[in-house]
Amino acid sequence: MLYALTIAYDGTDFHGWQRQIRPASAPEEEPTELRTVQGTLEGALQEVLRLRTHVVGASRTDAGVHAWGQVAVFTPPPTGMRMPEERLAEALNAKLPDDVRVRSCARAREGFDPIGLCQAKGYRYTLALGREAPLWDRRVVHHVRDEQLDLQAMRRCAHELIGRRDFAAMAKAGHGRLSTVRTLFRVDVSEPAPGRVAIDVVGDGFLHHMVRILA
């Protein structure tokens, strides 16, 4: 039996999803574990279940990337769960910091693979236009000093990106992936609010920093 969690988080203060160890910079120092979403979630699960468990996420988001619907699975203790799924979400949220929230918890069938069974992933990159840097939403937007962008030209370019293509030119150097071919199902450019431009990208997967470079 597996359990699937739907998670939201503010990625500003995380070094990405995947657990990472920073090597010691001097012989007398010890390696340190960086703050990651996976590590934080596994720590909360250990507190609640009284047992160490491994969490597998559908997407290994980069440092600074936020999520609203990340899906992750874990195996419960051999003795079974001591609380219903809805109570587990509440118990985890009581242990988690303010920048991570478990939105839901449900049983998943045996063999459920959030990576292999993921049909699509979606990213939104929001631009804040204007000379004045944003204040209240500064953690979730990218500031662009231009007060006006050519949205029609952006939409034409976005349309050309749809389909199965080699996106090697839009990946950060040293990404380490064997294949740089990805399929984009949808690329939309919209204005969700005055002074804001949203670029929504949906595809079967993304390379390291691919959406940032594309935007």
N, C-alpha and C. Protein backbone atom coordinates (compact mmCIF):
# COMPACT_ATOMS: atom_id res chain seq x y z
N MET A 1 0.84 -1.20 0.00
CA MET A 1 0.00 0.00 0.00
C MET A 1 0.88 1.25 0.00
N LEU A 2 0.53 2.18 -0.86
CA LEU A 2 1.22 3.46 -0.91
C LEU A 2 0.24 4.57 -0.57
N TYR A 3 0.79 5.71 -0.17
CA TYR A 3 -0.01 6.90 0.06
C TYR A 3 0.51 8.03 -0.82
N ALA A 4 -0.42 8.75 -1.45
CA ALA A 4 -0.05 9.86 -2.33
C ALA A 4 -0.42 11.18 -1.66
N LEU A 5 0.51 12.10 -1.68
CA LEU A 5 0.29 13.44 -1.12
C LEU A 5 0.29 14.46 -2.25
N THR A 6 -0.61 15.42 -2.17
CA THR A 6 -0.56 16.58 -3.04
C THR A 6 -0.03 17.74 -2.20
N ILE A 7 1.05 18.36 -2.69
CA ILE A 7 1.80 19.31 -1.86
C ILE A 7 1.90 20.66 -2.57
N ALA A 8 1.84 21.73 -1.80
CA ALA A 8 2.12 23.08 -2.28
C ALA A 8 3.26 23.65 -1.46
N TYR A 9 4.12 24.44 -2.11
CA TYR A 9 5.21 25.05 -1.35
C TYR A 9 5.74 26.31 -2.03
N ASP A 10 6.25 27.19 -1.20
CA ASP A 10 6.97 28.39 -1.64
C ASP A 10 8.44 28.00 -1.70
N GLY A 11 8.98 27.92 -2.90
CA GLY A 11 10.34 27.41 -3.07
C GLY A 11 11.45 28.41 -2.84
N THR A 12 11.11 29.64 -2.45
CA THR A 12 12.12 30.69 -2.32
C THR A 12 13.29 30.28 -1.43
N ASP A 13 13.01 29.71 -0.29
CA ASP A 13 14.06 29.41 0.69
C ASP A 13 14.48 27.94 0.68
N PHE A 14 14.15 27.23 -0.40
CA PHE A 14 14.56 25.83 -0.53
C PHE A 14 15.61 25.68 -1.63
N HIS A 15 16.48 24.69 -1.47
CA HIS A 15 17.46 24.34 -2.50
C HIS A 15 16.86 23.29 -3.43
N GLY A 16 15.62 23.50 -3.84
CA GLY A 16 14.95 22.57 -4.72
C GLY A 16 14.21 21.47 -3.98
N TRP A 17 13.69 20.52 -4.75
CA TRP A 17 12.94 19.41 -4.17
C TRP A 17 13.85 18.36 -3.56
N GLN A 18 14.83 17.89 -4.32
CA GLN A 18 15.61 16.71 -3.94
C GLN A 18 16.61 16.97 -2.82
N ARG A 19 16.72 16.00 -1.91
CA ARG A 19 17.67 16.11 -0.79
C ARG A 19 19.09 16.26 -1.34
N GLN A 20 19.86 17.15 -0.69
CA GLN A 20 21.23 17.41 -1.12
C GLN A 20 22.13 17.58 0.10
N ILE A 21 23.35 17.12 -0.04
CA ILE A 21 24.36 17.28 1.00
C ILE A 21 25.46 18.19 0.48
N ARG A 22 25.76 19.24 1.25
CA ARG A 22 26.87 20.13 0.88
C ARG A 22 28.16 19.58 1.49
N PRO A 23 29.17 19.28 0.66
CA PRO A 23 30.42 18.74 1.20
C PRO A 23 31.10 19.73 2.13
N ALA A 24 31.88 19.22 3.05
CA ALA A 24 32.62 20.08 3.97
C ALA A 24 33.65 20.89 3.19
N SER A 25 33.78 22.17 3.53
CA SER A 25 34.73 23.05 2.84
C SER A 25 36.10 23.03 3.48
N ALA A 26 36.21 22.41 4.64
CA ALA A 26 37.49 22.30 5.35
C ALA A 26 37.53 20.96 6.08
N PRO A 27 38.75 20.41 6.33
CA PRO A 27 38.86 19.09 6.97
C PRO A 27 38.17 19.01 8.33
N GLU A 28 38.15 20.11 9.07
CA GLU A 28 37.56 20.06 10.41
C GLU A 28 36.04 20.24 10.39
N GLU A 29 35.46 20.49 9.22
CA GLU A 29 34.02 20.69 9.13
C GLU A 29 33.30 19.41 8.72
N GLU A 30 32.02 19.35 9.06
CA GLU A 30 31.18 18.22 8.69
C GLU A 30 30.32 18.60 7.48
N PRO A 31 29.99 17.63 6.62
CA PRO A 31 29.04 17.91 5.54
C PRO A 31 27.70 18.35 6.13
N THR A 32 27.02 19.24 5.44
CA THR A 32 25.73 19.73 5.94
C THR A 32 24.63 19.44 4.92
N GLU A 33 23.45 19.12 5.44
CA GLU A 33 22.32 18.88 4.54
C GLU A 33 21.63 20.21 4.24
N LEU A 34 21.42 20.46 2.95
CA LEU A 34 20.75 21.69 2.53
C LEU A 34 19.25 21.57 2.78
N ARG A 35 18.59 22.71 2.89
CA ARG A 35 17.14 22.71 3.12
C ARG A 35 16.42 22.42 1.80
N THR A 36 15.76 21.31 1.74
CA THR A 36 15.02 20.90 0.55
C THR A 36 13.59 20.52 0.93
N VAL A 37 12.70 20.52 -0.06
CA VAL A 37 11.31 20.17 0.21
C VAL A 37 11.22 18.69 0.59
N GLN A 38 11.92 17.83 -0.13
CA GLN A 38 11.89 16.40 0.18
C GLN A 38 12.37 16.13 1.61
N GLY A 39 13.48 16.74 1.98
CA GLY A 39 14.01 16.54 3.33
C GLY A 39 13.07 17.05 4.40
N THR A 40 12.45 18.20 4.15
CA THR A 40 11.51 18.77 5.12
C THR A 40 10.28 17.88 5.28
N LEU A 41 9.76 17.38 4.16
CA LEU A 41 8.59 16.52 4.21
C LEU A 41 8.90 15.19 4.89
N GLU A 42 10.05 14.60 4.58
CA GLU A 42 10.42 13.34 5.22
C GLU A 42 10.63 13.52 6.73
N GLY A 43 11.13 14.68 7.12
CA GLY A 43 11.29 14.95 8.55
C GLY A 43 9.95 15.03 9.26
N ALA A 44 8.96 15.67 8.62
CA ALA A 44 7.63 15.76 9.22
C ALA A 44 6.97 14.39 9.30
N LEU A 45 7.14 13.58 8.25
CA LEU A 45 6.58 12.23 8.26
C LEU A 45 7.19 11.39 9.38
N GLN A 46 8.49 11.55 9.59
CA GLN A 46 9.15 10.79 10.65
C GLN A 46 8.60 11.17 12.02
N GLU A 47 8.33 12.47 12.21
CA GLU A 47 7.76 12.91 13.48
C GLU A 47 6.36 12.33 13.71
N VAL A 48 5.56 12.31 12.64
CA VAL A 48 4.17 11.86 12.77
C VAL A 48 4.07 10.34 12.86
N LEU A 49 4.83 9.63 12.00
CA LEU A 49 4.73 8.17 11.93
C LEU A 49 5.68 7.44 12.87
N ARG A 50 6.63 8.18 13.46
CA ARG A 50 7.65 7.58 14.32
C ARG A 50 8.50 6.56 13.56
N LEU A 51 8.69 6.82 12.27
CA LEU A 51 9.46 5.90 11.44
C LEU A 51 9.99 6.66 10.23
N ARG A 52 11.24 6.41 9.89
CA ARG A 52 11.82 7.05 8.71
C ARG A 52 11.20 6.46 7.45
N THR A 53 10.85 7.31 6.51
CA THR A 53 10.26 6.86 5.25
C THR A 53 10.76 7.73 4.12
N HIS A 54 10.82 7.15 2.94
CA HIS A 54 11.34 7.85 1.76
C HIS A 54 10.18 8.37 0.93
N VAL A 55 10.29 9.62 0.47
CA VAL A 55 9.25 10.25 -0.33
C VAL A 55 9.75 10.41 -1.77
N VAL A 56 8.93 10.04 -2.73
CA VAL A 56 9.27 10.18 -4.15
C VAL A 56 8.32 11.19 -4.78
N GLY A 57 8.87 12.26 -5.36
CA GLY A 57 8.06 13.30 -5.97
C GLY A 57 7.97 13.16 -7.47
N ALA A 58 6.87 13.66 -8.04
CA ALA A 58 6.67 13.58 -9.49
C ALA A 58 7.64 14.47 -10.24
N SER A 59 8.06 15.57 -9.63
CA SER A 59 8.94 16.52 -10.31
C SER A 59 10.00 17.03 -9.35
N ARG A 60 11.25 17.01 -9.80
CA ARG A 60 12.35 17.53 -8.98
C ARG A 60 12.53 19.01 -9.30
N THR A 61 11.72 19.83 -8.68
CA THR A 61 11.78 21.26 -8.97
C THR A 61 13.10 21.86 -8.49
N ASP A 62 13.54 22.91 -9.22
CA ASP A 62 14.80 23.57 -8.91
C ASP A 62 14.66 24.51 -7.71
N ALA A 63 15.78 25.01 -7.26
CA ALA A 63 15.80 26.00 -6.18
C ALA A 63 14.98 27.22 -6.60
N GLY A 64 14.14 27.71 -5.71
CA GLY A 64 13.35 28.90 -5.98
C GLY A 64 12.05 28.65 -6.71
N VAL A 65 11.80 27.42 -7.15
CA VAL A 65 10.57 27.11 -7.89
C VAL A 65 9.46 26.76 -6.90
N HIS A 66 8.30 27.37 -7.09
CA HIS A 66 7.15 27.10 -6.23
C HIS A 66 6.31 25.97 -6.83
N ALA A 67 5.42 25.42 -6.04
CA ALA A 67 4.53 24.37 -6.53
C ALA A 67 3.17 24.49 -5.88
N TRP A 68 2.14 24.17 -6.66
CA TRP A 68 0.78 24.16 -6.14
C TRP A 68 0.21 22.74 -6.13
N GLY A 69 0.71 21.88 -7.03
CA GLY A 69 0.17 20.54 -7.13
C GLY A 69 1.23 19.47 -7.31
N GLN A 70 2.32 19.56 -6.55
CA GLN A 70 3.33 18.51 -6.59
C GLN A 70 2.74 17.23 -5.99
N VAL A 71 2.97 16.11 -6.65
CA VAL A 71 2.48 14.81 -6.16
C VAL A 71 3.66 13.98 -5.68
N ALA A 72 3.54 13.41 -4.49
CA ALA A 72 4.60 12.59 -3.93
C ALA A 72 3.99 11.38 -3.25
N VAL A 73 4.72 10.26 -3.25
CA VAL A 73 4.22 9.04 -2.62
C VAL A 73 5.21 8.55 -1.56
N PHE A 74 4.68 7.82 -0.59
CA PHE A 74 5.52 7.18 0.42
C PHE A 74 4.88 5.87 0.86
N THR A 75 5.69 4.98 1.41
CA THR A 75 5.21 3.70 1.92
C THR A 75 4.96 3.83 3.41
N PRO A 76 3.77 3.48 3.89
CA PRO A 76 3.47 3.59 5.32
C PRO A 76 4.23 2.53 6.13
N PRO A 77 4.22 2.64 7.45
CA PRO A 77 4.89 1.65 8.29
C PRO A 77 4.32 0.25 8.06
N PRO A 78 5.11 -0.80 8.29
CA PRO A 78 4.63 -2.18 8.11
C PRO A 78 3.40 -2.50 8.95
N THR A 79 3.28 -1.84 10.07
CA THR A 79 2.13 -2.09 10.96
C THR A 79 0.86 -1.39 10.48
N GLY A 80 1.00 -0.57 9.42
CA GLY A 80 -0.15 0.15 8.90
C GLY A 80 -0.27 1.55 9.48
N MET A 81 -1.21 2.30 8.94
CA MET A 81 -1.43 3.68 9.38
C MET A 81 -2.29 3.70 10.64
N ARG A 82 -1.94 4.58 11.55
CA ARG A 82 -2.69 4.69 12.80
C ARG A 82 -3.73 5.80 12.75
N MET A 83 -3.90 6.41 11.58
CA MET A 83 -4.88 7.48 11.45
C MET A 83 -5.40 7.50 10.03
N PRO A 84 -6.61 8.00 9.81
CA PRO A 84 -7.15 8.11 8.45
C PRO A 84 -6.38 9.14 7.64
N GLU A 85 -6.53 9.06 6.31
CA GLU A 85 -5.75 9.93 5.42
C GLU A 85 -5.96 11.42 5.70
N GLU A 86 -7.22 11.80 5.94
CA GLU A 86 -7.48 13.22 6.16
C GLU A 86 -6.82 13.73 7.44
N ARG A 87 -6.71 12.87 8.43
CA ARG A 87 -6.02 13.26 9.66
C ARG A 87 -4.51 13.36 9.44
N LEU A 88 -3.98 12.53 8.55
CA LEU A 88 -2.55 12.57 8.28
C LEU A 88 -2.15 13.91 7.69
N ALA A 89 -2.95 14.43 6.76
CA ALA A 89 -2.65 15.73 6.17
C ALA A 89 -2.63 16.81 7.25
N GLU A 90 -3.58 16.78 8.16
CA GLU A 90 -3.63 17.76 9.25
C GLU A 90 -2.41 17.61 10.16
N ALA A 91 -2.05 16.36 10.47
CA ALA A 91 -0.91 16.13 11.37
C ALA A 91 0.39 16.59 10.74
N LEU A 92 0.55 16.35 9.44
CA LEU A 92 1.77 16.79 8.76
C LEU A 92 1.85 18.31 8.71
N ASN A 93 0.74 18.97 8.41
CA ASN A 93 0.75 20.43 8.35
C ASN A 93 1.07 21.05 9.70
N ALA A 94 0.73 20.36 10.78
CA ALA A 94 1.06 20.86 12.11
C ALA A 94 2.56 20.80 12.37
N LYS A 95 3.27 19.92 11.67
CA LYS A 95 4.71 19.77 11.85
C LYS A 95 5.52 20.53 10.80
N LEU A 96 4.92 20.82 9.67
CA LEU A 96 5.64 21.46 8.57
C LEU A 96 5.79 22.96 8.79
N PRO A 97 6.84 23.58 8.21
CA PRO A 97 6.99 25.03 8.29
C PRO A 97 5.95 25.73 7.43
N ASP A 98 5.89 27.05 7.56
CA ASP A 98 4.85 27.82 6.88
C ASP A 98 4.95 27.79 5.36
N ASP A 99 6.11 27.43 4.80
CA ASP A 99 6.26 27.48 3.35
C ASP A 99 6.03 26.13 2.67
N VAL A 100 5.47 25.16 3.39
CA VAL A 100 5.08 23.87 2.81
C VAL A 100 3.72 23.48 3.35
N ARG A 101 2.84 23.00 2.46
CA ARG A 101 1.52 22.56 2.90
C ARG A 101 1.13 21.28 2.15
N VAL A 102 0.60 20.31 2.91
CA VAL A 102 0.00 19.12 2.31
C VAL A 102 -1.46 19.43 2.05
N ARG A 103 -1.85 19.45 0.78
CA ARG A 103 -3.22 19.81 0.42
C ARG A 103 -4.16 18.63 0.51
N SER A 104 -3.63 17.42 0.26
CA SER A 104 -4.49 16.24 0.35
C SER A 104 -3.63 15.00 0.53
N CYS A 105 -4.26 13.94 1.03
CA CYS A 105 -3.59 12.65 1.21
C CYS A 105 -4.59 11.56 0.85
N ALA A 106 -4.15 10.58 0.06
CA ALA A 106 -5.05 9.50 -0.35
C ALA A 106 -4.25 8.22 -0.57
N ARG A 107 -4.92 7.10 -0.44
CA ARG A 107 -4.28 5.83 -0.73
C ARG A 107 -4.05 5.71 -2.24
N ALA A 108 -2.93 5.08 -2.60
CA ALA A 108 -2.62 4.84 -4.01
C ALA A 108 -2.41 3.34 -4.21
N ARG A 109 -2.68 2.89 -5.40
CA ARG A 109 -2.53 1.46 -5.67
C ARG A 109 -1.06 1.06 -5.63
N GLU A 110 -0.81 -0.20 -5.37
CA GLU A 110 0.55 -0.72 -5.31
C GLU A 110 1.23 -0.53 -6.67
N GLY A 111 2.45 -0.04 -6.63
CA GLY A 111 3.19 0.19 -7.86
C GLY A 111 2.96 1.56 -8.48
N PHE A 112 2.14 2.39 -7.83
CA PHE A 112 1.90 3.74 -8.36
C PHE A 112 3.21 4.50 -8.42
N ASP A 113 3.55 5.00 -9.60
CA ASP A 113 4.81 5.70 -9.84
C ASP A 113 4.51 7.14 -10.26
N PRO A 114 4.71 8.13 -9.39
CA PRO A 114 4.37 9.51 -9.75
C PRO A 114 5.22 10.07 -10.88
N ILE A 115 6.40 9.48 -11.11
CA ILE A 115 7.25 9.95 -12.20
C ILE A 115 6.85 9.29 -13.51
N GLY A 116 6.82 7.96 -13.51
CA GLY A 116 6.53 7.23 -14.74
C GLY A 116 5.11 7.39 -15.23
N LEU A 117 4.15 7.60 -14.33
CA LEU A 117 2.75 7.72 -14.72
C LEU A 117 2.32 9.16 -14.94
N CYS A 118 3.22 10.09 -14.73
CA CYS A 118 2.88 11.51 -14.94
C CYS A 118 2.71 11.78 -16.43
N GLN A 119 1.53 12.25 -16.83
CA GLN A 119 1.24 12.49 -18.23
C GLN A 119 1.64 13.89 -18.68
N ALA A 120 1.65 14.83 -17.77
CA ALA A 120 2.01 16.21 -18.14
C ALA A 120 2.39 16.99 -16.89
N LYS A 121 3.21 18.00 -17.09
CA LYS A 121 3.59 18.93 -16.03
C LYS A 121 3.35 20.35 -16.53
N GLY A 122 2.92 21.21 -15.63
CA GLY A 122 2.64 22.58 -16.01
C GLY A 122 3.42 23.58 -15.18
N TYR A 123 3.94 24.60 -15.84
CA TYR A 123 4.66 25.67 -15.15
C TYR A 123 4.06 27.02 -15.55
N ARG A 124 4.03 27.92 -14.60
CA ARG A 124 3.66 29.31 -14.90
C ARG A 124 4.82 30.21 -14.51
N TYR A 125 5.24 31.07 -15.45
CA TYR A 125 6.28 32.06 -15.18
C TYR A 125 5.61 33.42 -15.30
N THR A 126 5.56 34.17 -14.21
CA THR A 126 4.86 35.45 -14.18
C THR A 126 5.84 36.61 -14.20
N LEU A 127 5.61 37.54 -15.12
CA LEU A 127 6.45 38.73 -15.26
C LEU A 127 5.73 39.93 -14.67
N ALA A 128 6.43 40.74 -13.91
CA ALA A 128 5.90 41.99 -13.38
C ALA A 128 6.52 43.13 -14.17
N LEU A 129 5.69 43.90 -14.88
CA LEU A 129 6.19 44.95 -15.76
C LEU A 129 6.18 46.30 -15.05
N GLY A 130 7.14 47.15 -15.40
CA GLY A 130 7.17 48.50 -14.86
C GLY A 130 8.50 48.87 -14.25
N ARG A 131 8.73 50.16 -14.11
CA ARG A 131 10.00 50.64 -13.57
C ARG A 131 10.15 50.30 -12.09
N GLU A 132 9.04 50.30 -11.37
CA GLU A 132 9.09 50.03 -9.93
C GLU A 132 9.05 48.53 -9.67
N ALA A 133 10.00 48.04 -8.90
CA ALA A 133 10.05 46.61 -8.58
C ALA A 133 8.84 46.22 -7.74
N PRO A 134 8.29 45.03 -7.93
CA PRO A 134 7.13 44.60 -7.15
C PRO A 134 7.48 44.42 -5.68
N LEU A 135 6.48 44.57 -4.83
CA LEU A 135 6.70 44.42 -3.40
C LEU A 135 5.99 43.18 -2.85
N TRP A 136 4.65 43.19 -2.88
CA TRP A 136 3.89 42.16 -2.19
C TRP A 136 4.04 40.78 -2.83
N ASP A 137 4.17 40.71 -4.13
CA ASP A 137 4.29 39.40 -4.78
C ASP A 137 5.70 39.17 -5.34
N ARG A 138 6.69 39.84 -4.76
CA ARG A 138 8.05 39.77 -5.29
C ARG A 138 8.64 38.37 -5.26
N ARG A 139 8.12 37.49 -4.40
CA ARG A 139 8.67 36.13 -4.31
C ARG A 139 8.13 35.21 -5.40
N VAL A 140 7.11 35.64 -6.11
CA VAL A 140 6.49 34.75 -7.10
C VAL A 140 6.46 35.34 -8.51
N VAL A 141 7.13 36.49 -8.72
CA VAL A 141 7.17 37.09 -10.06
C VAL A 141 8.61 37.47 -10.41
N HIS A 142 8.84 37.68 -11.70
CA HIS A 142 10.13 38.15 -12.19
C HIS A 142 9.95 39.57 -12.71
N HIS A 143 10.74 40.51 -12.20
CA HIS A 143 10.58 41.91 -12.56
C HIS A 143 11.21 42.20 -13.92
N VAL A 144 10.43 42.85 -14.79
CA VAL A 144 10.90 43.32 -16.10
C VAL A 144 10.64 44.82 -16.15
N ARG A 145 11.69 45.60 -16.36
CA ARG A 145 11.55 47.06 -16.29
C ARG A 145 10.74 47.63 -17.45
N ASP A 146 10.66 46.92 -18.56
CA ASP A 146 9.82 47.40 -19.67
C ASP A 146 8.37 47.48 -19.21
N GLU A 147 7.71 48.58 -19.55
CA GLU A 147 6.33 48.75 -19.11
C GLU A 147 5.34 48.10 -20.07
N GLN A 148 5.83 47.72 -21.25
CA GLN A 148 4.93 47.10 -22.22
C GLN A 148 5.71 46.10 -23.06
N LEU A 149 5.16 44.93 -23.25
CA LEU A 149 5.76 43.90 -24.08
C LEU A 149 4.87 43.66 -25.30
N ASP A 150 5.46 43.18 -26.38
CA ASP A 150 4.70 42.85 -27.58
C ASP A 150 4.09 41.46 -27.39
N LEU A 151 2.91 41.43 -26.83
CA LEU A 151 2.28 40.15 -26.50
C LEU A 151 1.92 39.34 -27.74
N GLN A 152 1.56 40.04 -28.83
CA GLN A 152 1.23 39.30 -30.05
C GLN A 152 2.45 38.57 -30.59
N ALA A 153 3.61 39.24 -30.56
CA ALA A 153 4.85 38.58 -31.01
C ALA A 153 5.21 37.42 -30.08
N MET A 154 5.00 37.61 -28.78
CA MET A 154 5.28 36.53 -27.83
C MET A 154 4.37 35.33 -28.08
N ARG A 155 3.10 35.60 -28.41
CA ARG A 155 2.17 34.50 -28.67
C ARG A 155 2.53 33.75 -29.95
N ARG A 156 3.01 34.48 -30.96
CA ARG A 156 3.43 33.81 -32.19
C ARG A 156 4.63 32.90 -31.92
N CYS A 157 5.57 33.40 -31.14
CA CYS A 157 6.74 32.58 -30.78
C CYS A 157 6.32 31.37 -29.95
N ALA A 158 5.39 31.59 -29.03
CA ALA A 158 4.92 30.50 -28.18
C ALA A 158 4.30 29.38 -29.01
N HIS A 159 3.55 29.76 -30.03
CA HIS A 159 2.90 28.76 -30.88
C HIS A 159 3.93 27.89 -31.59
N GLU A 160 5.07 28.48 -31.98
CA GLU A 160 6.11 27.74 -32.70
C GLU A 160 6.82 26.73 -31.80
N LEU A 161 6.71 26.89 -30.50
CA LEU A 161 7.39 25.98 -29.57
C LEU A 161 6.61 24.70 -29.31
N ILE A 162 5.33 24.71 -29.65
CA ILE A 162 4.48 23.55 -29.37
C ILE A 162 4.89 22.36 -30.24
N GLY A 163 4.93 21.19 -29.63
CA GLY A 163 5.29 19.97 -30.35
C GLY A 163 6.50 19.29 -29.74
N ARG A 164 6.95 18.25 -30.41
CA ARG A 164 8.10 17.48 -29.94
C ARG A 164 9.37 18.02 -30.60
N ARG A 165 10.29 18.53 -29.77
CA ARG A 165 11.49 19.18 -30.30
C ARG A 165 12.69 18.91 -29.39
N ASP A 166 13.86 19.22 -29.93
CA ASP A 166 15.10 19.15 -29.15
C ASP A 166 15.31 20.51 -28.50
N PHE A 167 15.22 20.57 -27.16
CA PHE A 167 15.33 21.83 -26.43
C PHE A 167 16.70 22.00 -25.77
N ALA A 168 17.74 21.43 -26.38
CA ALA A 168 19.09 21.53 -25.81
C ALA A 168 19.51 22.99 -25.64
N ALA A 169 19.10 23.86 -26.55
CA ALA A 169 19.47 25.28 -26.48
C ALA A 169 18.78 26.00 -25.34
N MET A 170 17.76 25.39 -24.76
CA MET A 170 17.02 26.03 -23.67
C MET A 170 17.24 25.31 -22.34
N ALA A 171 18.36 24.63 -22.22
CA ALA A 171 18.70 23.94 -20.97
C ALA A 171 19.99 24.51 -20.40
N LYS A 172 20.06 24.56 -19.10
CA LYS A 172 21.27 25.03 -18.44
C LYS A 172 22.41 24.05 -18.72
N ALA A 173 23.60 24.58 -18.95
CA ALA A 173 24.77 23.74 -19.22
C ALA A 173 24.99 22.77 -18.07
N GLY A 174 25.35 21.54 -18.42
CA GLY A 174 25.59 20.53 -17.39
C GLY A 174 24.33 19.95 -16.81
N HIS A 175 23.22 19.95 -17.57
CA HIS A 175 21.95 19.44 -17.05
C HIS A 175 21.98 17.93 -16.78
N GLY A 176 22.86 17.21 -17.45
CA GLY A 176 23.05 15.79 -17.15
C GLY A 176 22.00 14.85 -17.71
N ARG A 177 21.09 15.33 -18.55
CA ARG A 177 20.07 14.45 -19.11
C ARG A 177 20.58 13.78 -20.39
N LEU A 178 20.25 12.51 -20.57
CA LEU A 178 20.68 11.78 -21.76
C LEU A 178 19.99 12.30 -23.01
N SER A 179 18.74 12.67 -22.89
CA SER A 179 17.98 13.19 -24.03
C SER A 179 17.48 14.59 -23.72
N THR A 180 17.57 15.46 -24.70
CA THR A 180 17.07 16.83 -24.55
C THR A 180 15.79 17.05 -25.37
N VAL A 181 15.20 15.96 -25.83
CA VAL A 181 13.95 16.04 -26.60
C VAL A 181 12.77 16.03 -25.64
N ARG A 182 11.90 17.02 -25.78
CA ARG A 182 10.72 17.11 -24.95
C ARG A 182 9.52 17.51 -25.82
N THR A 183 8.32 17.24 -25.33
CA THR A 183 7.10 17.60 -26.04
C THR A 183 6.34 18.65 -25.24
N LEU A 184 6.05 19.78 -25.88
CA LEU A 184 5.24 20.82 -25.26
C LEU A 184 3.83 20.74 -25.84
N PHE A 185 2.84 20.59 -24.97
CA PHE A 185 1.46 20.50 -25.40
C PHE A 185 0.79 21.86 -25.51
N ARG A 186 1.22 22.78 -24.68
CA ARG A 186 0.58 24.10 -24.67
C ARG A 186 1.55 25.15 -24.17
N VAL A 187 1.61 26.30 -24.84
CA VAL A 187 2.38 27.46 -24.39
C VAL A 187 1.49 28.68 -24.57
N ASP A 188 1.03 29.27 -23.49
CA ASP A 188 0.10 30.40 -23.54
C ASP A 188 0.73 31.64 -22.92
N VAL A 189 0.39 32.79 -23.49
CA VAL A 189 0.81 34.09 -22.95
C VAL A 189 -0.45 34.88 -22.64
N SER A 190 -0.62 35.32 -21.40
CA SER A 190 -1.83 36.02 -20.99
C SER A 190 -1.50 37.16 -20.04
N GLU A 191 -2.51 37.98 -19.76
CA GLU A 191 -2.39 39.09 -18.80
C GLU A 191 -3.37 38.84 -17.65
N PRO A 192 -2.95 38.14 -16.60
CA PRO A 192 -3.87 37.83 -15.50
C PRO A 192 -4.27 39.05 -14.67
N ALA A 193 -3.48 40.12 -14.74
CA ALA A 193 -3.76 41.33 -13.97
C ALA A 193 -2.99 42.48 -14.62
N PRO A 194 -3.39 43.73 -14.35
CA PRO A 194 -2.65 44.87 -14.91
C PRO A 194 -1.18 44.83 -14.49
N GLY A 195 -0.29 44.99 -15.47
CA GLY A 195 1.14 44.99 -15.18
C GLY A 195 1.72 43.61 -14.96
N ARG A 196 0.95 42.57 -15.26
CA ARG A 196 1.43 41.20 -15.09
C ARG A 196 1.23 40.42 -16.39
N VAL A 197 2.25 39.68 -16.79
CA VAL A 197 2.16 38.80 -17.95
C VAL A 197 2.52 37.39 -17.50
N ALA A 198 1.65 36.43 -17.80
CA ALA A 198 1.87 35.04 -17.40
C ALA A 198 2.20 34.20 -18.62
N ILE A 199 3.23 33.38 -18.49
CA ILE A 199 3.61 32.42 -19.53
C ILE A 199 3.37 31.03 -18.96
N ASP A 200 2.37 30.34 -19.51
CA ASP A 200 2.02 28.99 -19.04
C ASP A 200 2.54 27.96 -20.03
N VAL A 201 3.28 26.99 -19.51
CA VAL A 201 3.87 25.95 -20.35
C VAL A 201 3.46 24.59 -19.80
N VAL A 202 2.92 23.74 -20.66
CA VAL A 202 2.53 22.38 -20.28
C VAL A 202 3.24 21.41 -21.22
N GLY A 203 3.93 20.43 -20.64
CA GLY A 203 4.66 19.46 -21.45
C GLY A 203 4.83 18.15 -20.74
N ASP A 204 5.51 17.22 -21.42
CA ASP A 204 5.73 15.90 -20.81
C ASP A 204 6.92 15.89 -19.87
N GLY A 205 7.66 16.98 -19.82
CA GLY A 205 8.81 17.10 -18.94
C GLY A 205 9.65 18.29 -19.35
N PHE A 206 10.56 18.70 -18.47
CA PHE A 206 11.36 19.89 -18.73
C PHE A 206 12.81 19.66 -18.32
N LEU A 207 13.71 20.34 -19.00
CA LEU A 207 15.13 20.29 -18.67
C LEU A 207 15.44 21.32 -17.59
N HIS A 208 16.65 21.25 -17.04
CA HIS A 208 17.07 22.15 -15.97
C HIS A 208 17.02 23.60 -16.46
N HIS A 209 16.22 24.42 -15.80
CA HIS A 209 16.04 25.84 -16.11
C HIS A 209 15.41 26.08 -17.48
N MET A 210 14.80 25.06 -18.07
CA MET A 210 14.24 25.20 -19.41
C MET A 210 13.15 26.26 -19.49
N VAL A 211 12.22 26.26 -18.52
CA VAL A 211 11.11 27.21 -18.57
C VAL A 211 11.62 28.63 -18.32
N ARG A 212 12.59 28.79 -17.43
CA ARG A 212 13.15 30.13 -17.18
C ARG A 212 13.79 30.68 -18.45
N ILE A 213 14.57 29.86 -19.14
CA ILE A 213 15.23 30.31 -20.37
C ILE A 213 14.21 30.57 -21.46
N LEU A 214 13.22 29.71 -21.57
CA LEU A 214 12.16 29.88 -22.57
C LEU A 214 11.41 31.18 -22.34
N ALA A 215 11.09 31.48 -21.10
CA ALA A 215 10.34 32.70 -20.78
C ALA A 215 11.16 33.94 -21.06
